N, C-alpha and C. Protein backbone atom coordinates (compact mmCIF):
# COMPACT_ATOMS: atom_id res chain seq x y z
N MET A 1 9.68 -22.38 3.89
CA MET A 1 10.30 -22.47 2.58
C MET A 1 11.39 -21.39 2.50
N ASP A 2 12.58 -21.78 2.06
CA ASP A 2 13.62 -20.77 1.93
C ASP A 2 13.40 -19.96 0.64
N PHE A 3 14.14 -18.90 0.50
CA PHE A 3 13.88 -17.95 -0.59
C PHE A 3 14.09 -18.58 -1.97
N LEU A 4 15.13 -19.38 -2.15
CA LEU A 4 15.35 -20.00 -3.46
C LEU A 4 14.22 -20.96 -3.81
N GLU A 5 13.69 -21.66 -2.83
CA GLU A 5 12.54 -22.54 -3.08
C GLU A 5 11.32 -21.71 -3.48
N LEU A 6 11.14 -20.57 -2.82
CA LEU A 6 10.05 -19.67 -3.17
C LEU A 6 10.20 -19.20 -4.61
N CYS A 7 11.43 -18.85 -5.02
CA CYS A 7 11.69 -18.42 -6.39
C CYS A 7 11.36 -19.52 -7.39
N LYS A 8 11.68 -20.75 -7.04
CA LYS A 8 11.39 -21.88 -7.93
C LYS A 8 9.89 -22.15 -8.00
N GLU A 9 9.19 -21.95 -6.90
CA GLU A 9 7.75 -22.22 -6.83
C GLU A 9 6.93 -21.21 -7.64
N ARG A 10 7.34 -19.96 -7.66
CA ARG A 10 6.58 -18.90 -8.31
C ARG A 10 6.59 -19.08 -9.82
N TYR A 11 5.44 -18.91 -10.41
CA TYR A 11 5.34 -18.88 -11.88
C TYR A 11 4.25 -17.89 -12.26
N SER A 12 4.22 -17.52 -13.52
CA SER A 12 3.23 -16.57 -14.01
C SER A 12 1.91 -17.29 -14.22
N VAL A 13 0.95 -16.99 -13.38
CA VAL A 13 -0.36 -17.63 -13.43
C VAL A 13 -1.20 -16.93 -14.50
N ARG A 14 -1.72 -17.72 -15.42
CA ARG A 14 -2.55 -17.18 -16.49
C ARG A 14 -3.99 -17.70 -16.43
N LYS A 15 -4.30 -18.37 -15.32
CA LYS A 15 -5.66 -18.86 -15.12
C LYS A 15 -5.93 -18.88 -13.62
N PHE A 16 -6.82 -17.99 -13.21
CA PHE A 16 -7.13 -17.83 -11.79
C PHE A 16 -8.49 -18.42 -11.46
N SER A 17 -8.64 -18.86 -10.22
CA SER A 17 -9.96 -19.27 -9.73
C SER A 17 -10.73 -17.99 -9.39
N GLU A 18 -12.01 -18.14 -9.14
CA GLU A 18 -12.84 -16.98 -8.78
C GLU A 18 -12.71 -16.62 -7.31
N ARG A 19 -12.04 -17.43 -6.54
CA ARG A 19 -11.91 -17.21 -5.10
C ARG A 19 -11.25 -15.86 -4.81
N ALA A 20 -11.88 -15.10 -3.95
CA ALA A 20 -11.36 -13.78 -3.60
C ALA A 20 -10.11 -13.90 -2.72
N VAL A 21 -9.26 -12.92 -2.82
CA VAL A 21 -8.08 -12.84 -1.96
C VAL A 21 -8.50 -12.21 -0.64
N GLU A 22 -8.16 -12.88 0.46
CA GLU A 22 -8.53 -12.38 1.78
C GLU A 22 -7.86 -11.04 2.06
N GLU A 23 -8.58 -10.19 2.77
CA GLU A 23 -8.09 -8.84 3.10
C GLU A 23 -6.78 -8.90 3.86
N GLU A 24 -6.62 -9.86 4.76
CA GLU A 24 -5.38 -9.98 5.55
C GLU A 24 -4.19 -10.26 4.63
N LYS A 25 -4.41 -11.07 3.61
CA LYS A 25 -3.33 -11.37 2.66
C LYS A 25 -3.00 -10.15 1.82
N LEU A 26 -4.02 -9.44 1.38
CA LEU A 26 -3.78 -8.21 0.62
C LEU A 26 -2.98 -7.22 1.45
N GLU A 27 -3.31 -7.07 2.72
CA GLU A 27 -2.58 -6.16 3.59
C GLU A 27 -1.11 -6.55 3.69
N LYS A 28 -0.82 -7.83 3.79
CA LYS A 28 0.58 -8.30 3.86
C LYS A 28 1.31 -8.03 2.55
N ILE A 29 0.63 -8.24 1.45
CA ILE A 29 1.24 -7.99 0.13
C ILE A 29 1.57 -6.51 0.00
N LEU A 30 0.64 -5.66 0.36
CA LEU A 30 0.88 -4.21 0.27
C LEU A 30 1.98 -3.77 1.23
N GLU A 31 2.05 -4.39 2.39
CA GLU A 31 3.12 -4.06 3.35
C GLU A 31 4.48 -4.47 2.80
N ALA A 32 4.54 -5.62 2.11
CA ALA A 32 5.80 -6.03 1.48
C ALA A 32 6.25 -4.98 0.46
N GLY A 33 5.31 -4.41 -0.27
CA GLY A 33 5.64 -3.35 -1.22
C GLY A 33 6.08 -2.07 -0.51
N ARG A 34 5.42 -1.76 0.59
CA ARG A 34 5.78 -0.55 1.34
C ARG A 34 7.18 -0.64 1.90
N LEU A 35 7.60 -1.85 2.29
CA LEU A 35 8.92 -2.05 2.89
C LEU A 35 10.03 -2.24 1.87
N ALA A 36 9.68 -2.36 0.61
CA ALA A 36 10.68 -2.61 -0.43
C ALA A 36 11.64 -1.42 -0.54
N PRO A 37 12.89 -1.69 -0.86
CA PRO A 37 13.85 -0.59 -1.01
C PRO A 37 13.57 0.24 -2.26
N THR A 38 13.80 1.52 -2.14
CA THR A 38 13.72 2.44 -3.29
C THR A 38 14.92 3.38 -3.21
N ALA A 39 15.33 3.89 -4.36
CA ALA A 39 16.50 4.77 -4.42
C ALA A 39 16.30 5.97 -3.51
N LYS A 40 17.28 6.19 -2.65
CA LYS A 40 17.25 7.29 -1.68
C LYS A 40 15.97 7.29 -0.85
N ASN A 41 15.38 6.10 -0.70
CA ASN A 41 14.13 5.93 0.05
C ASN A 41 13.04 6.88 -0.45
N SER A 42 13.02 7.11 -1.77
CA SER A 42 12.07 8.06 -2.35
C SER A 42 10.61 7.62 -2.21
N GLN A 43 10.38 6.29 -2.18
CA GLN A 43 9.03 5.75 -2.00
C GLN A 43 8.03 6.39 -2.97
N SER A 44 8.45 6.49 -4.22
CA SER A 44 7.60 7.14 -5.22
C SER A 44 6.51 6.23 -5.77
N GLN A 45 6.48 4.98 -5.33
CA GLN A 45 5.46 4.07 -5.85
C GLN A 45 4.07 4.50 -5.41
N ARG A 46 3.13 4.31 -6.32
CA ARG A 46 1.71 4.54 -6.04
C ARG A 46 0.99 3.31 -6.57
N ILE A 47 0.27 2.64 -5.71
CA ILE A 47 -0.36 1.37 -6.05
C ILE A 47 -1.87 1.52 -5.97
N PHE A 48 -2.53 1.12 -7.02
CA PHE A 48 -3.98 1.17 -7.07
C PHE A 48 -4.51 -0.26 -6.98
N VAL A 49 -5.35 -0.50 -5.98
CA VAL A 49 -5.91 -1.82 -5.72
C VAL A 49 -7.23 -1.93 -6.47
N LEU A 50 -7.28 -2.87 -7.39
CA LEU A 50 -8.48 -3.09 -8.19
C LEU A 50 -9.11 -4.41 -7.75
N LYS A 51 -10.20 -4.31 -7.03
CA LYS A 51 -10.87 -5.54 -6.57
C LYS A 51 -12.39 -5.44 -6.64
N SER A 52 -12.93 -4.23 -6.79
CA SER A 52 -14.39 -4.12 -6.95
C SER A 52 -14.76 -4.60 -8.35
N LYS A 53 -16.00 -5.00 -8.51
CA LYS A 53 -16.46 -5.47 -9.83
C LYS A 53 -16.25 -4.40 -10.88
N ASP A 54 -16.55 -3.15 -10.53
CA ASP A 54 -16.42 -2.05 -11.48
C ASP A 54 -14.96 -1.84 -11.89
N ALA A 55 -14.06 -1.78 -10.91
CA ALA A 55 -12.65 -1.56 -11.21
C ALA A 55 -12.07 -2.72 -12.02
N LEU A 56 -12.42 -3.94 -11.64
CA LEU A 56 -11.92 -5.10 -12.38
C LEU A 56 -12.46 -5.13 -13.80
N GLN A 57 -13.72 -4.78 -13.97
CA GLN A 57 -14.28 -4.77 -15.33
C GLN A 57 -13.55 -3.75 -16.21
N LYS A 58 -13.20 -2.62 -15.63
CA LYS A 58 -12.44 -1.61 -16.39
C LYS A 58 -11.11 -2.18 -16.87
N ILE A 59 -10.43 -2.91 -16.01
CA ILE A 59 -9.13 -3.45 -16.38
C ILE A 59 -9.31 -4.63 -17.35
N TYR A 60 -10.34 -5.46 -17.14
CA TYR A 60 -10.61 -6.58 -18.06
C TYR A 60 -10.91 -6.04 -19.46
N ASP A 61 -11.65 -4.93 -19.52
CA ASP A 61 -12.00 -4.34 -20.82
C ASP A 61 -10.79 -3.69 -21.49
N ALA A 62 -9.86 -3.20 -20.69
CA ALA A 62 -8.71 -2.47 -21.24
C ALA A 62 -7.58 -3.38 -21.70
N THR A 63 -7.48 -4.58 -21.12
CA THR A 63 -6.38 -5.47 -21.49
C THR A 63 -6.71 -6.93 -21.18
N PRO A 64 -6.31 -7.84 -22.04
CA PRO A 64 -6.45 -9.26 -21.71
C PRO A 64 -5.37 -9.72 -20.71
N MET A 65 -4.42 -8.86 -20.41
CA MET A 65 -3.31 -9.22 -19.52
C MET A 65 -3.73 -9.32 -18.06
N SER A 66 -5.01 -9.17 -17.77
CA SER A 66 -5.49 -9.34 -16.39
C SER A 66 -5.84 -10.79 -16.11
N PHE A 67 -6.05 -11.58 -17.14
CA PHE A 67 -6.36 -13.00 -17.02
C PHE A 67 -7.48 -13.27 -16.00
N ASN A 68 -8.40 -12.30 -15.91
CA ASN A 68 -9.55 -12.41 -15.01
C ASN A 68 -9.16 -12.66 -13.56
N ALA A 69 -8.04 -12.13 -13.14
CA ALA A 69 -7.63 -12.24 -11.74
C ALA A 69 -8.64 -11.52 -10.85
N PRO A 70 -8.89 -12.04 -9.66
CA PRO A 70 -9.84 -11.39 -8.76
C PRO A 70 -9.28 -10.15 -8.06
N LEU A 71 -7.97 -9.92 -8.24
CA LEU A 71 -7.30 -8.77 -7.65
C LEU A 71 -6.19 -8.34 -8.60
N VAL A 72 -6.15 -7.07 -8.92
CA VAL A 72 -5.09 -6.54 -9.78
C VAL A 72 -4.55 -5.28 -9.12
N LEU A 73 -3.23 -5.21 -9.04
CA LEU A 73 -2.59 -4.00 -8.55
C LEU A 73 -1.99 -3.26 -9.73
N ALA A 74 -2.37 -2.00 -9.90
CA ALA A 74 -1.76 -1.15 -10.92
C ALA A 74 -0.61 -0.42 -10.22
N VAL A 75 0.60 -0.76 -10.61
CA VAL A 75 1.79 -0.21 -9.96
C VAL A 75 2.33 0.93 -10.79
N CYS A 76 2.38 2.10 -10.17
CA CYS A 76 2.83 3.32 -10.82
C CYS A 76 3.91 3.96 -9.97
N TYR A 77 4.49 5.03 -10.50
CA TYR A 77 5.33 5.87 -9.65
C TYR A 77 5.01 7.32 -9.93
N GLU A 78 5.18 8.12 -8.90
CA GLU A 78 4.96 9.57 -8.97
C GLU A 78 6.22 10.20 -9.54
N LYS A 79 6.12 10.79 -10.72
CA LYS A 79 7.28 11.33 -11.42
C LYS A 79 8.03 12.38 -10.58
N ALA A 80 7.31 13.22 -9.90
CA ALA A 80 7.96 14.29 -9.13
C ALA A 80 8.67 13.75 -7.89
N ALA A 81 8.28 12.57 -7.42
CA ALA A 81 8.86 12.03 -6.18
C ALA A 81 10.00 11.06 -6.42
N SER A 82 10.14 10.56 -7.64
CA SER A 82 11.16 9.53 -7.90
C SER A 82 12.56 10.12 -7.88
N TYR A 83 13.51 9.25 -7.55
CA TYR A 83 14.92 9.64 -7.49
C TYR A 83 15.43 10.00 -8.88
N LYS A 84 16.12 11.12 -8.97
CA LYS A 84 16.74 11.57 -10.23
C LYS A 84 18.25 11.62 -10.04
N ASN A 85 18.98 10.94 -10.91
CA ASN A 85 20.44 10.94 -10.88
C ASN A 85 20.93 11.90 -11.95
N THR A 86 21.39 13.06 -11.53
CA THR A 86 21.84 14.08 -12.47
C THR A 86 23.24 13.84 -13.00
N SER A 87 23.98 12.88 -12.41
CA SER A 87 25.33 12.60 -12.91
C SER A 87 25.32 11.55 -14.02
N GLU A 88 24.18 10.94 -14.29
CA GLU A 88 24.05 9.96 -15.37
C GLU A 88 24.15 10.66 -16.72
N THR A 89 24.87 10.07 -17.64
CA THR A 89 24.99 10.68 -18.97
C THR A 89 24.40 9.82 -20.09
N LEU A 90 24.16 8.55 -19.84
CA LEU A 90 23.71 7.65 -20.90
C LEU A 90 22.20 7.46 -20.90
N TYR A 91 21.60 7.20 -19.75
CA TYR A 91 20.17 6.89 -19.67
C TYR A 91 19.42 8.09 -19.09
N ILE A 92 19.16 9.03 -19.95
CA ILE A 92 18.56 10.30 -19.51
C ILE A 92 17.07 10.32 -19.84
N ASP A 93 16.27 10.69 -18.87
CA ASP A 93 14.84 10.90 -19.05
C ASP A 93 14.64 12.24 -19.75
N SER A 94 13.89 12.25 -20.83
CA SER A 94 13.72 13.49 -21.60
C SER A 94 13.00 14.58 -20.82
N GLU A 95 12.11 14.21 -19.92
CA GLU A 95 11.38 15.21 -19.14
C GLU A 95 12.24 15.87 -18.07
N SER A 96 12.96 15.05 -17.31
CA SER A 96 13.70 15.58 -16.16
C SER A 96 15.14 15.95 -16.49
N GLY A 97 15.67 15.44 -17.60
CA GLY A 97 17.06 15.69 -17.94
C GLY A 97 18.04 14.91 -17.07
N ALA A 98 17.55 13.89 -16.39
CA ALA A 98 18.36 13.06 -15.49
C ALA A 98 17.87 11.62 -15.61
N TYR A 99 18.63 10.70 -15.04
CA TYR A 99 18.15 9.33 -14.96
C TYR A 99 17.03 9.29 -13.94
N ASP A 100 15.90 8.72 -14.32
CA ASP A 100 14.75 8.62 -13.43
C ASP A 100 14.67 7.19 -12.89
N GLY A 101 14.84 7.03 -11.60
CA GLY A 101 14.83 5.72 -10.97
C GLY A 101 13.46 5.18 -10.62
N GLY A 102 12.41 5.91 -10.97
CA GLY A 102 11.06 5.51 -10.58
C GLY A 102 10.62 4.17 -11.10
N GLU A 103 10.95 3.87 -12.35
CA GLU A 103 10.51 2.59 -12.92
C GLU A 103 11.21 1.42 -12.24
N VAL A 104 12.49 1.57 -11.97
CA VAL A 104 13.23 0.51 -11.27
C VAL A 104 12.66 0.34 -9.86
N ASP A 105 12.42 1.44 -9.18
CA ASP A 105 11.85 1.34 -7.83
C ASP A 105 10.50 0.64 -7.85
N ALA A 106 9.64 0.98 -8.80
CA ALA A 106 8.33 0.33 -8.89
C ALA A 106 8.48 -1.16 -9.20
N ALA A 107 9.49 -1.52 -9.98
CA ALA A 107 9.76 -2.92 -10.29
C ALA A 107 10.20 -3.67 -9.02
N ILE A 108 11.03 -3.04 -8.21
CA ILE A 108 11.46 -3.66 -6.96
C ILE A 108 10.26 -3.86 -6.03
N VAL A 109 9.42 -2.85 -5.94
CA VAL A 109 8.21 -2.93 -5.11
C VAL A 109 7.32 -4.07 -5.60
N THR A 110 7.13 -4.15 -6.91
CA THR A 110 6.30 -5.20 -7.49
C THR A 110 6.86 -6.58 -7.18
N THR A 111 8.17 -6.73 -7.30
CA THR A 111 8.81 -8.01 -7.02
C THR A 111 8.59 -8.42 -5.57
N SER A 112 8.74 -7.49 -4.66
CA SER A 112 8.50 -7.79 -3.24
C SER A 112 7.07 -8.25 -3.01
N MET A 113 6.12 -7.57 -3.63
CA MET A 113 4.72 -7.95 -3.47
C MET A 113 4.45 -9.31 -4.11
N MET A 114 5.07 -9.56 -5.25
CA MET A 114 4.88 -10.81 -5.97
C MET A 114 5.36 -12.00 -5.12
N PHE A 115 6.53 -11.86 -4.52
CA PHE A 115 7.05 -12.95 -3.71
C PHE A 115 6.27 -13.12 -2.40
N GLU A 116 5.79 -12.04 -1.82
CA GLU A 116 4.94 -12.16 -0.63
C GLU A 116 3.65 -12.89 -0.98
N ALA A 117 3.06 -12.56 -2.11
CA ALA A 117 1.84 -13.25 -2.54
C ALA A 117 2.10 -14.74 -2.71
N THR A 118 3.24 -15.08 -3.32
CA THR A 118 3.59 -16.49 -3.51
C THR A 118 3.76 -17.18 -2.16
N ALA A 119 4.42 -16.52 -1.22
CA ALA A 119 4.63 -17.09 0.11
C ALA A 119 3.29 -17.32 0.82
N LEU A 120 2.28 -16.55 0.46
CA LEU A 120 0.96 -16.68 1.07
C LEU A 120 0.06 -17.69 0.35
N GLY A 121 0.63 -18.39 -0.63
CA GLY A 121 -0.14 -19.40 -1.35
C GLY A 121 -0.94 -18.88 -2.51
N LEU A 122 -0.65 -17.67 -2.94
CA LEU A 122 -1.37 -17.07 -4.07
C LEU A 122 -0.52 -17.15 -5.34
N GLY A 123 -1.17 -16.97 -6.46
CA GLY A 123 -0.47 -16.90 -7.73
C GLY A 123 -0.45 -15.47 -8.22
N THR A 124 0.52 -15.16 -9.07
CA THR A 124 0.65 -13.81 -9.61
C THR A 124 1.04 -13.85 -11.08
N LEU A 125 0.83 -12.74 -11.73
CA LEU A 125 1.35 -12.53 -13.06
C LEU A 125 1.75 -11.06 -13.17
N TRP A 126 3.00 -10.83 -13.48
CA TRP A 126 3.50 -9.48 -13.72
C TRP A 126 3.18 -9.17 -15.17
N ALA A 127 2.28 -8.23 -15.40
CA ALA A 127 1.81 -7.94 -16.76
C ALA A 127 2.34 -6.59 -17.24
N ARG A 128 2.85 -6.60 -18.47
CA ARG A 128 3.30 -5.35 -19.09
C ARG A 128 2.88 -5.27 -20.56
N GLY A 129 2.26 -6.31 -21.08
CA GLY A 129 1.86 -6.32 -22.49
C GLY A 129 0.54 -5.63 -22.73
N PHE A 130 0.51 -4.33 -22.52
CA PHE A 130 -0.72 -3.57 -22.71
C PHE A 130 -0.38 -2.15 -23.12
N ASP A 131 -1.39 -1.43 -23.57
CA ASP A 131 -1.26 -0.03 -23.94
C ASP A 131 -1.51 0.81 -22.68
N SER A 132 -0.48 1.44 -22.18
CA SER A 132 -0.60 2.23 -20.94
C SER A 132 -1.69 3.29 -21.03
N ALA A 133 -1.83 3.91 -22.19
CA ALA A 133 -2.83 4.97 -22.34
C ALA A 133 -4.24 4.44 -22.07
N LYS A 134 -4.52 3.21 -22.51
CA LYS A 134 -5.85 2.62 -22.26
C LYS A 134 -6.08 2.40 -20.77
N ILE A 135 -5.05 1.91 -20.09
CA ILE A 135 -5.19 1.64 -18.65
C ILE A 135 -5.35 2.95 -17.89
N ILE A 136 -4.52 3.92 -18.20
CA ILE A 136 -4.58 5.21 -17.53
C ILE A 136 -5.95 5.86 -17.71
N GLN A 137 -6.47 5.78 -18.94
CA GLN A 137 -7.78 6.34 -19.22
C GLN A 137 -8.88 5.56 -18.49
N ALA A 138 -8.81 4.24 -18.54
CA ALA A 138 -9.84 3.42 -17.91
C ALA A 138 -9.91 3.66 -16.41
N LEU A 139 -8.74 3.85 -15.77
CA LEU A 139 -8.70 4.04 -14.32
C LEU A 139 -8.71 5.51 -13.92
N ASN A 140 -8.65 6.40 -14.91
CA ASN A 140 -8.64 7.84 -14.66
C ASN A 140 -7.48 8.22 -13.72
N LEU A 141 -6.29 7.73 -14.05
CA LEU A 141 -5.11 8.00 -13.24
C LEU A 141 -4.58 9.40 -13.51
N PRO A 142 -4.00 10.04 -12.52
CA PRO A 142 -3.44 11.38 -12.71
C PRO A 142 -2.26 11.36 -13.70
N GLU A 143 -2.11 12.44 -14.42
CA GLU A 143 -1.01 12.55 -15.40
C GLU A 143 0.36 12.60 -14.74
N THR A 144 0.41 12.84 -13.45
CA THR A 144 1.69 12.91 -12.74
C THR A 144 2.28 11.53 -12.48
N LEU A 145 1.52 10.48 -12.82
CA LEU A 145 1.97 9.12 -12.57
C LEU A 145 2.46 8.46 -13.84
N HIS A 146 3.36 7.51 -13.66
CA HIS A 146 3.86 6.67 -14.75
C HIS A 146 3.47 5.23 -14.40
N LEU A 147 2.64 4.61 -15.25
CA LEU A 147 2.21 3.23 -15.03
C LEU A 147 3.34 2.29 -15.42
N VAL A 148 3.75 1.45 -14.49
CA VAL A 148 4.86 0.52 -14.74
C VAL A 148 4.34 -0.86 -15.10
N CYS A 149 3.41 -1.39 -14.33
CA CYS A 149 2.92 -2.74 -14.60
C CYS A 149 1.62 -2.99 -13.88
N LEU A 150 1.00 -4.10 -14.22
CA LEU A 150 -0.12 -4.64 -13.48
C LEU A 150 0.38 -5.90 -12.79
N LEU A 151 -0.03 -6.10 -11.56
CA LEU A 151 0.27 -7.33 -10.86
C LEU A 151 -1.05 -8.05 -10.59
N ASP A 152 -1.31 -9.09 -11.38
CA ASP A 152 -2.50 -9.90 -11.21
C ASP A 152 -2.26 -10.85 -10.05
N ILE A 153 -3.23 -10.95 -9.16
CA ILE A 153 -3.08 -11.78 -7.96
C ILE A 153 -4.36 -12.57 -7.72
N GLY A 154 -4.19 -13.81 -7.33
CA GLY A 154 -5.33 -14.63 -6.97
C GLY A 154 -4.90 -16.06 -6.73
N TYR A 155 -5.88 -16.89 -6.45
CA TYR A 155 -5.61 -18.31 -6.30
C TYR A 155 -5.57 -18.93 -7.69
N PRO A 156 -4.51 -19.68 -7.99
CA PRO A 156 -4.47 -20.32 -9.31
C PRO A 156 -5.66 -21.28 -9.48
N ALA A 157 -6.18 -21.35 -10.68
CA ALA A 157 -7.22 -22.34 -10.98
C ALA A 157 -6.62 -23.73 -10.82
N GLU A 158 -7.48 -24.70 -10.58
CA GLU A 158 -7.00 -26.07 -10.35
C GLU A 158 -6.16 -26.58 -11.51
N ASP A 159 -6.47 -26.16 -12.74
CA ASP A 159 -5.73 -26.64 -13.90
C ASP A 159 -4.66 -25.64 -14.37
N SER A 160 -4.32 -24.68 -13.53
CA SER A 160 -3.26 -23.72 -13.87
C SER A 160 -1.90 -24.40 -13.80
N VAL A 161 -1.12 -24.19 -14.83
CA VAL A 161 0.24 -24.74 -14.88
C VAL A 161 1.18 -23.68 -15.43
N PRO A 162 2.45 -23.77 -15.08
CA PRO A 162 3.41 -22.82 -15.64
C PRO A 162 3.51 -22.98 -17.16
N ASN A 163 3.72 -21.87 -17.84
CA ASN A 163 4.03 -21.90 -19.26
C ASN A 163 5.35 -22.63 -19.44
N GLU A 164 5.52 -23.33 -20.54
CA GLU A 164 6.76 -24.09 -20.76
C GLU A 164 8.00 -23.20 -20.72
N ARG A 165 7.86 -21.92 -21.06
CA ARG A 165 9.02 -21.00 -21.01
C ARG A 165 9.53 -20.83 -19.58
N HIS A 166 8.67 -21.06 -18.60
CA HIS A 166 9.05 -20.88 -17.20
C HIS A 166 10.27 -21.73 -16.83
N PHE A 167 10.36 -22.88 -17.42
CA PHE A 167 11.43 -23.82 -17.07
C PHE A 167 12.70 -23.63 -17.92
N GLN A 168 12.65 -22.73 -18.87
CA GLN A 168 13.81 -22.50 -19.73
C GLN A 168 14.70 -21.42 -19.12
N ARG A 169 15.73 -21.84 -18.47
CA ARG A 169 16.65 -20.92 -17.80
C ARG A 169 18.03 -21.07 -18.41
N LEU A 170 18.64 -19.94 -18.71
CA LEU A 170 20.02 -19.97 -19.19
C LEU A 170 20.93 -20.41 -18.06
N PRO A 171 22.04 -21.05 -18.39
CA PRO A 171 23.01 -21.37 -17.34
C PRO A 171 23.57 -20.07 -16.76
N ILE A 172 23.91 -20.11 -15.50
CA ILE A 172 24.41 -18.91 -14.83
C ILE A 172 25.66 -18.37 -15.53
N SER A 173 26.42 -19.23 -16.16
CA SER A 173 27.62 -18.79 -16.87
C SER A 173 27.32 -17.87 -18.04
N GLU A 174 26.07 -17.91 -18.54
CA GLU A 174 25.68 -17.04 -19.66
C GLU A 174 25.14 -15.70 -19.18
N THR A 175 24.77 -15.61 -17.91
CA THR A 175 24.16 -14.37 -17.42
C THR A 175 25.00 -13.64 -16.39
N VAL A 176 26.06 -14.28 -15.91
CA VAL A 176 26.90 -13.68 -14.88
C VAL A 176 28.35 -13.73 -15.34
N LYS A 177 29.03 -12.62 -15.27
CA LYS A 177 30.45 -12.56 -15.62
C LYS A 177 31.21 -11.86 -14.51
N GLU A 178 32.34 -12.41 -14.15
CA GLU A 178 33.19 -11.77 -13.16
C GLU A 178 34.21 -10.91 -13.88
N LEU A 179 34.37 -9.69 -13.43
CA LEU A 179 35.34 -8.77 -14.05
C LEU A 179 36.56 -8.60 -13.16
């Protein structure tokens, strides 16, 4: 399958089967994240693999955005390790006094893992509709990390279908402008 076909195939799965994700597939997904580009190769991403019953129950209790996936990746970045652009004047991080590229890097890493999971026949959901403080507390994450998203991964349930919004795409002329 070429990349554009993969992009068309992927949708946000909101109903997963109970089937576990094979360890070999998880390793490939994590490797796709490890190989993803980051600003100045900072590699500030920190990924927490939630697959034990205890870890999954913590995430299920903290947010409905897990959709009972059998595998959830909590994607964070290490604030001290992320790229800081000190020449930026508009988008300044209040803590560092510079533009912090960590969130963008974590998003790129997540996207790479999401597409690898899709290529492996798995479904995913990039989740951000939650209270970060609840997740951080539930997982006892270090304060040096910034939680960017959850990536729910698993086999789609037999009756899983894309949300109708999935098919609503603006024409390219509305999202791309040549200067």
